[in-house]
Amino acid sequence: MERNLLINTYPQSKLVIEQSLGISLLTNIQLVDYFLNSSANQIESIQYLSDLLPKEVKENLHILRTVFAHGVILRDFYISNVNDINQDCEGFIGWWEALQEEEVVDLMIYGIQEAIHYYNQYIPKIESVEKTLQEVTLTNEHLRNVSNRRKALKAVLLSWSIENVEEVLPFYDDIGEVKERILNLIHEFWEAGFKDIWQLQKNKLDGWQSKTTSLLHKSYGTNVEGIYAITGLYPDTNDIEKINRAHLITFIPVPNMGRLMTYFQFENQMFLMFEPSVDEHYEDQTVIQNEDVFTTFEGLGDATRLQIISLLAKQKEMYAQQIITELGLKQSTVSRHLNQLHQANLVLIRQVGNTKYYSMNQAEIRRVMQVLEDMLK
């Protein structure tokens, strides 16, 4: 008789909350596309938002929805490449405006690869798609070739059952036009409806975040238990193992999601989008939950640690030796203070091999600022 005496274990994960206008907007684009093209998951607030959008915005979304998967590819590409997900609208749109042609090609390649992966995993085989894919190589390098990329795009459009494929393909040949359409979609989506929704919900989300932060520091048996405690939602059973393996989970509250939840995994970090259950009194909340900020204030209460925070604010991300060199301090001193900052949730750690990269936890700094502002009210 064979006996298996080995059991699976999960990493000790870190949980953080980060608000993101950009991720919220792009997720709402996804929800609107679902609303316009499917009878499932009809959310009243999304119907309201859809009704606000002019015809031109919906036409742009209709053109982009295939290669960019309802807008999901735009959101995930943004998460993977931006330094700070907590940009204001000007910074968010400016990030997209600054994309170079090569980066837009990278975005299209990412969309193609994800679309074909989805087709292979979930869609019954389509003869025309299979025939086209025989002529395609899906590596990044080969998809930079215009002819190969065009064939891959054709396969993607066929997998979506697009009827006028040959009429649509020339649009994706013009990289500048693709970028312009994306920019118009994002800008008009913001101006036509999401701007008012975000401004209306922002204070409520701030109140929810302030009240919920203490839950981040509790000990949970698995990541799924932590997710349920913070969101009140339980992930699909197909995703539980992947979620429990994540080293860092960033909770991103997004308006208009109802009881839906979605996530994106980038390296060992998982970004989880959901709509928190927000009480109306959060909007005018003035009572501060002090017990969950004591550690954070203690972390800031040292000149050396403030120097490190200031340095990380300028450099975005550094490893320990860079900080030692910049500040002229002993290794043991810097290591001790970095550990205290990490314990206080003021810095985040990204590990690559044996090297740890440190960055400022902007969400926690903003929370401290909010607490201080509330004290002045």
Protein backbone atom coordinates (compact mmCIF):
# COMPACT_ATOMS: atom_id res chain seq x y z
CA MET A 1 0.00 0.00 0.00
CA GLU A 2 1.37 3.39 -1.01
CA ARG A 3 1.15 6.11 1.62
CA ASN A 4 1.57 9.78 0.87
CA LEU A 5 2.87 11.54 3.98
CA LEU A 6 3.64 14.85 2.24
CA ILE A 7 1.20 17.75 2.39
CA ASN A 8 1.03 21.01 0.47
CA THR A 9 1.89 24.22 2.25
CA TYR A 10 1.33 27.83 1.21
CA PRO A 11 3.60 30.89 1.44
CA GLN A 12 3.05 33.53 4.12
CA SER A 13 1.33 36.22 2.10
CA LYS A 14 1.10 39.96 2.48
CA LEU A 15 -2.26 41.70 1.98
CA VAL A 16 -2.58 45.35 0.95
CA ILE A 17 -5.33 47.68 -0.28
CA GLU A 18 -4.66 50.08 -3.15
CA GLN A 19 -7.18 52.32 -4.88
CA SER A 20 -6.69 52.82 -8.61
CA LEU A 21 -8.71 55.10 -10.85
CA GLY A 22 -7.12 53.55 -13.94
CA ILE A 23 -7.80 49.93 -13.02
CA SER A 24 -11.34 50.83 -11.95
CA LEU A 25 -12.02 52.59 -15.26
CA LEU A 26 -10.61 49.75 -17.37
CA THR A 27 -12.56 47.16 -15.36
CA ASN A 28 -15.73 49.17 -15.95
CA ILE A 29 -14.98 49.14 -19.69
CA GLN A 30 -14.92 45.34 -19.41
CA LEU A 31 -18.25 45.34 -17.53
CA VAL A 32 -19.89 47.64 -20.10
CA ASP A 33 -18.72 45.41 -22.95
CA TYR A 34 -20.20 42.38 -21.18
CA PHE A 35 -23.45 44.31 -20.70
CA LEU A 36 -23.63 45.33 -24.37
CA ASN A 37 -22.89 41.86 -25.71
CA SER A 38 -24.27 39.37 -23.17
CA SER A 39 -27.45 38.88 -21.18
CA ALA A 40 -25.52 37.47 -18.20
CA ASN A 41 -24.39 39.50 -15.18
CA GLN A 42 -26.58 42.51 -15.92
CA ILE A 43 -25.75 45.09 -13.23
CA GLU A 44 -28.07 48.08 -12.93
CA SER A 45 -25.26 50.61 -12.38
CA ILE A 46 -23.47 49.32 -15.50
CA GLN A 47 -26.65 49.74 -17.52
CA TYR A 48 -26.81 53.33 -16.26
CA LEU A 49 -23.17 53.92 -17.24
CA SER A 50 -23.72 52.33 -20.65
CA ASP A 51 -26.66 54.63 -21.31
CA LEU A 52 -24.42 57.65 -20.65
CA LEU A 53 -21.84 56.65 -23.26
CA PRO A 54 -22.10 58.24 -26.72
CA LYS A 55 -22.27 56.13 -29.87
CA GLU A 56 -18.61 56.83 -30.75
CA VAL A 57 -17.38 55.28 -27.48
CA LYS A 58 -19.39 52.12 -28.04
CA GLU A 59 -18.10 51.89 -31.62
CA ASN A 60 -14.50 52.15 -30.40
CA LEU A 61 -15.15 49.44 -27.82
CA HIS A 62 -16.73 47.23 -30.47
CA ILE A 63 -13.63 47.51 -32.67
CA LEU A 64 -11.14 46.92 -29.82
CA ARG A 65 -13.03 44.24 -27.86
CA THR A 66 -11.66 41.23 -29.77
CA VAL A 67 -7.88 41.59 -29.64
CA PHE A 68 -8.07 43.33 -26.27
CA ALA A 69 -10.60 40.91 -24.73
CA HIS A 70 -13.41 43.29 -23.68
CA GLY A 71 -10.74 45.69 -22.30
CA VAL A 72 -9.19 43.10 -19.97
CA ILE A 73 -5.91 43.14 -21.92
CA LEU A 74 -5.69 46.94 -21.56
CA ARG A 75 -6.09 46.66 -17.79
CA ASP A 76 -3.63 43.80 -17.33
CA PHE A 77 -1.03 45.43 -19.59
CA TYR A 78 -1.37 48.64 -17.55
CA ILE A 79 -0.91 46.76 -14.26
CA SER A 80 2.13 44.92 -15.61
CA ASN A 81 3.94 48.02 -16.87
CA VAL A 82 3.00 51.07 -14.79
CA ASN A 83 5.11 52.08 -11.77
CA ASP A 84 2.22 53.46 -9.71
CA ILE A 85 -1.34 52.21 -10.19
CA ASN A 86 -2.68 55.07 -8.04
CA GLN A 87 -2.51 57.78 -10.70
CA ASP A 88 -5.02 60.59 -11.06
CA CYS A 89 -6.88 60.89 -14.37
CA GLU A 90 -4.28 63.16 -15.95
CA GLY A 91 -1.45 60.79 -15.01
CA PHE A 92 -3.42 57.74 -16.15
CA ILE A 93 -4.29 59.13 -19.57
CA GLY A 94 -0.79 60.61 -19.85
CA TRP A 95 0.69 57.13 -19.35
CA TRP A 96 -1.25 55.83 -22.35
CA GLU A 97 -0.38 58.89 -24.42
CA ALA A 98 3.33 58.32 -23.73
CA LEU A 99 3.32 54.76 -25.15
CA GLN A 100 5.72 54.40 -28.04
CA GLU A 101 4.86 52.45 -31.20
CA GLU A 102 6.93 49.48 -30.04
CA GLU A 103 5.02 49.39 -26.75
CA VAL A 104 1.68 49.42 -28.58
CA VAL A 105 2.96 46.46 -30.61
CA ASP A 106 3.85 44.74 -27.31
CA LEU A 107 0.27 45.38 -26.15
CA MET A 108 -1.12 43.83 -29.34
CA ILE A 109 1.21 40.83 -29.06
CA TYR A 110 0.05 40.29 -25.48
CA GLY A 111 -3.57 40.46 -26.63
CA ILE A 112 -2.97 37.98 -29.45
CA GLN A 113 -1.20 35.46 -27.20
CA GLU A 114 -3.88 35.65 -24.51
CA ALA A 115 -6.68 35.33 -27.08
CA ILE A 116 -5.16 32.21 -28.66
CA HIS A 117 -4.46 30.73 -25.24
CA TYR A 118 -8.11 31.28 -24.30
CA TYR A 119 -9.25 29.75 -27.59
CA ASN A 120 -7.10 26.65 -27.05
CA GLN A 121 -8.30 26.23 -23.48
CA TYR A 122 -12.02 26.94 -23.71
CA ILE A 123 -13.35 27.17 -27.27
CA PRO A 124 -14.32 24.16 -29.42
CA LYS A 125 -12.01 23.85 -32.42
CA ILE A 126 -12.92 26.04 -35.40
CA GLU A 127 -11.65 24.83 -38.76
CA SER A 128 -10.79 28.28 -40.13
CA VAL A 129 -8.89 29.18 -36.95
CA GLU A 130 -6.95 25.91 -36.95
CA LYS A 131 -6.00 26.35 -40.60
CA THR A 132 -4.78 29.92 -40.00
CA LEU A 133 -2.80 28.96 -36.90
CA GLN A 134 -0.82 26.43 -38.91
CA GLU A 135 0.88 29.38 -40.62
CA VAL A 136 1.53 31.32 -37.39
CA THR A 137 4.36 31.36 -34.84
CA LEU A 138 3.20 32.86 -31.52
CA THR A 139 6.49 33.82 -29.89
CA ASN A 140 7.09 37.49 -29.07
CA GLU A 141 9.93 37.72 -31.56
CA HIS A 142 7.97 36.23 -34.46
CA LEU A 143 4.85 38.31 -33.70
CA ARG A 144 6.92 41.45 -34.26
CA ASN A 145 6.99 40.41 -37.91
CA VAL A 146 4.12 42.26 -39.58
CA SER A 147 3.11 39.39 -41.89
CA ASN A 148 3.13 36.79 -39.10
CA ARG A 149 1.29 39.13 -36.72
CA ARG A 150 -1.39 39.80 -39.35
CA LYS A 151 -2.07 36.07 -39.70
CA ALA A 152 -2.24 35.73 -35.93
CA LEU A 153 -4.70 38.64 -35.76
CA LYS A 154 -6.80 36.93 -38.40
CA ALA A 155 -6.91 33.79 -36.24
CA VAL A 156 -8.01 35.86 -33.24
CA LEU A 157 -10.81 37.56 -35.20
CA LEU A 158 -11.97 34.22 -36.60
CA SER A 159 -12.02 32.76 -33.08
CA TRP A 160 -14.43 35.57 -32.18
CA SER A 161 -16.59 34.64 -35.20
CA ILE A 162 -16.08 38.05 -36.80
CA GLU A 163 -17.72 37.93 -40.23
CA ASN A 164 -15.89 40.75 -42.04
CA VAL A 165 -12.36 39.74 -41.01
CA GLU A 166 -10.65 41.08 -44.14
CA GLU A 167 -12.31 44.48 -43.61
CA VAL A 168 -11.22 44.68 -39.95
CA LEU A 169 -7.59 43.53 -40.39
CA PRO A 170 -6.30 46.76 -42.02
CA PHE A 171 -7.20 48.68 -38.86
CA TYR A 172 -4.69 46.63 -36.84
CA ASP A 173 -2.00 47.27 -39.48
CA ASP A 174 -1.98 50.94 -38.46
CA ILE A 175 -0.35 51.02 -35.00
CA GLY A 176 -0.97 54.76 -34.66
CA GLU A 177 -4.67 54.28 -35.33
CA VAL A 178 -4.86 51.49 -32.75
CA LYS A 179 -3.30 53.76 -30.13
CA GLU A 180 -5.60 56.64 -31.08
CA ARG A 181 -8.68 54.45 -30.71
CA ILE A 182 -7.53 53.25 -27.29
CA LEU A 183 -6.91 56.83 -26.13
CA ASN A 184 -10.30 57.98 -27.38
CA LEU A 185 -12.03 55.06 -25.66
CA ILE A 186 -10.36 55.79 -22.31
CA HIS A 187 -10.75 59.57 -22.46
CA GLU A 188 -14.39 59.58 -23.59
CA PHE A 189 -15.33 56.79 -21.19
CA TRP A 190 -14.01 58.98 -18.36
CA GLU A 191 -15.63 62.21 -19.51
CA ALA A 192 -18.97 60.72 -20.55
CA GLY A 193 -19.79 58.90 -17.33
CA PHE A 194 -17.11 57.29 -15.22
CA LYS A 195 -15.75 60.63 -13.96
CA ASP A 196 -18.94 61.37 -12.03
CA ILE A 197 -19.17 57.81 -10.72
CA TRP A 198 -15.58 57.88 -9.44
CA GLN A 199 -15.97 61.25 -7.76
CA LEU A 200 -19.20 60.11 -6.11
CA GLN A 201 -17.69 56.86 -4.82
CA LYS A 202 -14.20 58.06 -3.85
CA ASN A 203 -14.98 59.24 -0.30
CA LYS A 204 -16.95 56.08 0.41
CA LEU A 205 -14.04 53.95 -0.77
CA ASP A 206 -11.69 55.95 1.45
CA GLY A 207 -13.94 55.29 4.44
CA TRP A 208 -14.17 51.59 3.64
CA GLN A 209 -10.39 51.35 3.28
CA SER A 210 -9.78 53.12 6.60
CA LYS A 211 -12.13 50.76 8.44
CA THR A 212 -10.91 47.61 6.69
CA THR A 213 -7.15 48.12 6.96
CA SER A 214 -6.93 46.43 10.35
CA LEU A 215 -8.08 43.16 8.72
CA LEU A 216 -4.95 43.14 6.55
CA HIS A 217 -2.70 42.48 9.53
CA LYS A 218 -4.63 39.52 10.93
CA SER A 219 -3.41 35.96 10.46
CA TYR A 220 -5.35 33.77 8.02
CA GLY A 221 -4.91 30.07 7.31
CA THR A 222 -5.07 30.64 3.56
CA ASN A 223 -5.32 33.59 1.18
CA VAL A 224 -8.88 32.59 0.37
CA GLU A 225 -9.84 33.03 4.04
CA GLY A 226 -8.28 36.50 4.01
CA ILE A 227 -10.13 37.40 0.80
CA TYR A 228 -13.45 36.35 2.31
CA ALA A 229 -12.78 38.34 5.50
CA ILE A 230 -11.98 41.51 3.55
CA THR A 231 -14.40 41.30 0.62
CA GLY A 232 -17.21 39.06 1.85
CA LEU A 233 -16.78 37.13 -1.42
CA TYR A 234 -15.54 33.60 -2.03
CA PRO A 235 -13.50 32.95 -5.19
CA ASP A 236 -14.39 30.31 -7.78
CA THR A 237 -13.13 26.89 -6.69
CA ASN A 238 -11.10 26.57 -9.92
CA ASP A 239 -8.90 29.45 -8.84
CA ILE A 240 -8.36 28.64 -5.16
CA GLU A 241 -5.01 26.87 -5.51
CA LYS A 242 -3.56 29.70 -7.62
CA ILE A 243 -4.84 32.32 -5.17
CA ASN A 244 -3.41 30.52 -2.15
CA ARG A 245 0.02 30.43 -3.85
CA ALA A 246 0.24 34.23 -4.26
CA HIS A 247 2.89 35.95 -2.12
CA LEU A 248 1.25 39.39 -2.26
CA ILE A 249 -2.43 40.19 -2.77
CA THR A 250 -3.42 43.75 -3.63
CA PHE A 251 -7.13 44.43 -3.08
CA ILE A 252 -8.44 47.06 -5.51
CA PRO A 253 -11.96 48.33 -4.76
CA VAL A 254 -13.84 48.97 -8.02
CA PRO A 255 -17.30 50.60 -8.33
CA ASN A 256 -20.11 48.84 -10.22
CA MET A 257 -18.92 45.23 -9.87
CA GLY A 258 -21.77 44.06 -7.66
CA ARG A 259 -21.03 40.53 -6.43
CA LEU A 260 -18.48 39.88 -9.17
CA MET A 261 -14.76 39.45 -8.56
CA THR A 262 -11.83 39.28 -10.96
CA TYR A 263 -8.08 39.03 -10.56
CA PHE A 264 -4.82 39.33 -12.46
CA GLN A 265 -1.62 37.59 -11.43
CA PHE A 266 1.72 39.21 -12.25
CA GLU A 267 4.72 37.19 -11.10
CA ASN A 268 4.02 36.36 -7.41
CA GLN A 269 1.62 39.27 -6.92
CA MET A 270 -2.14 39.02 -7.35
CA PHE A 271 -4.34 42.04 -8.04
CA LEU A 272 -7.91 41.38 -6.95
CA MET A 273 -10.72 43.63 -8.18
CA PHE A 274 -14.11 43.70 -6.43
CA GLU A 275 -16.76 46.11 -5.16
CA PRO A 276 -16.72 46.50 -1.37
CA SER A 277 -19.89 46.67 0.62
CA VAL A 278 -19.89 50.37 1.51
CA ASP A 279 -22.19 51.86 4.14
CA GLU A 280 -23.42 55.37 3.46
CA HIS A 281 -21.99 56.67 6.76
CA TYR A 282 -18.46 56.01 5.49
CA GLU A 283 -18.79 59.12 3.37
CA ASP A 284 -18.93 61.37 6.44
CA GLN A 285 -16.88 59.18 8.74
CA THR A 286 -14.79 61.22 11.22
CA VAL A 287 -14.12 58.57 13.85
CA ILE A 288 -10.59 57.26 13.41
CA GLN A 289 -9.74 53.67 14.11
CA ASN A 290 -6.38 54.43 15.76
CA GLU A 291 -5.35 50.96 16.84
CA ASP A 292 -4.42 49.87 13.30
CA VAL A 293 -2.16 52.88 12.61
CA PHE A 294 0.00 52.78 15.75
CA THR A 295 2.58 50.52 14.10
CA THR A 296 2.68 52.71 11.02
CA PHE A 297 3.31 55.90 13.02
CA GLU A 298 6.01 54.10 14.99
CA GLY A 299 7.62 53.10 11.72
CA LEU A 300 7.79 56.74 10.67
CA GLY A 301 9.16 57.85 14.03
CA ASP A 302 12.86 57.67 13.19
CA ALA A 303 15.08 59.96 11.11
CA THR A 304 16.87 57.12 9.31
CA ARG A 305 13.64 55.40 8.37
CA LEU A 306 12.28 58.69 7.06
CA GLN A 307 15.45 59.04 4.96
CA ILE A 308 14.87 55.58 3.49
CA ILE A 309 11.22 56.37 2.74
CA SER A 310 12.24 59.65 1.08
CA LEU A 311 14.85 57.84 -1.00
CA LEU A 312 12.38 55.16 -2.13
CA ALA A 313 9.86 57.87 -3.03
CA LYS A 314 12.41 59.29 -5.49
CA GLN A 315 13.89 56.06 -6.84
CA LYS A 316 10.70 53.95 -6.90
CA GLU A 317 12.56 50.68 -6.19
CA MET A 318 15.99 49.85 -4.76
CA TYR A 319 17.85 46.90 -3.30
CA ALA A 320 19.59 47.13 0.09
CA GLN A 321 23.13 47.78 -1.17
CA GLN A 322 21.93 50.76 -3.19
CA ILE A 323 20.33 52.25 -0.08
CA ILE A 324 23.51 51.57 1.96
CA THR A 325 25.64 53.33 -0.66
CA GLU A 326 23.28 56.27 -1.03
CA LEU A 327 22.92 56.95 2.71
CA GLY A 328 26.44 55.93 3.75
CA LEU A 329 25.19 53.68 6.56
CA LYS A 330 26.24 50.27 7.81
CA GLN A 331 24.57 47.24 6.31
CA SER A 332 23.24 46.09 9.70
CA THR A 333 21.68 49.52 10.31
CA VAL A 334 19.91 49.62 6.95
CA SER A 335 18.73 46.01 7.27
CA ARG A 336 17.27 46.70 10.71
CA HIS A 337 15.39 49.78 9.56
CA LEU A 338 14.13 48.09 6.37
CA ASN A 339 12.77 45.26 8.49
CA GLN A 340 10.98 47.75 10.77
CA LEU A 341 9.54 49.59 7.77
CA HIS A 342 8.33 46.31 6.33
CA GLN A 343 6.74 45.31 9.64
CA ALA A 344 4.99 48.69 9.68
CA ASN A 345 3.66 48.03 6.16
CA LEU A 346 5.50 51.11 4.87
CA VAL A 347 7.63 49.30 2.29
CA LEU A 348 6.88 46.47 -0.10
CA ILE A 349 9.36 43.74 -1.06
CA ARG A 350 9.73 42.16 -4.48
CA GLN A 351 12.15 39.24 -4.52
CA VAL A 352 14.02 38.20 -7.66
CA GLY A 353 16.29 35.22 -7.01
CA ASN A 354 18.30 36.08 -3.91
CA THR A 355 17.83 39.84 -4.29
CA LYS A 356 15.10 41.78 -2.48
CA TYR A 357 13.87 45.00 -4.07
CA TYR A 358 12.24 47.55 -1.77
CA SER A 359 9.61 50.13 -2.72
CA MET A 360 7.48 52.56 -0.77
CA ASN A 361 3.96 51.35 0.03
CA GLN A 362 2.13 54.36 -1.34
CA ALA A 363 -1.27 53.10 -0.22
CA GLU A 364 -0.12 53.01 3.43
CA ILE A 365 1.45 56.48 3.21
CA ARG A 366 -1.80 57.84 1.78
CA ARG A 367 -3.74 56.16 4.59
CA VAL A 368 -1.57 57.92 7.18
CA MET A 369 -2.17 61.21 5.38
CA GLN A 370 -5.90 60.54 5.44
CA VAL A 371 -5.83 59.82 9.17
CA LEU A 372 -4.02 63.11 9.81
CA GLU A 373 -6.45 65.01 7.58
CA ASP A 374 -9.39 63.47 9.45
CA MET A 375 -7.89 64.72 12.71
CA LEU A 376 -7.98 68.27 11.37
CA LYS A 377 -11.66 68.13 10.41
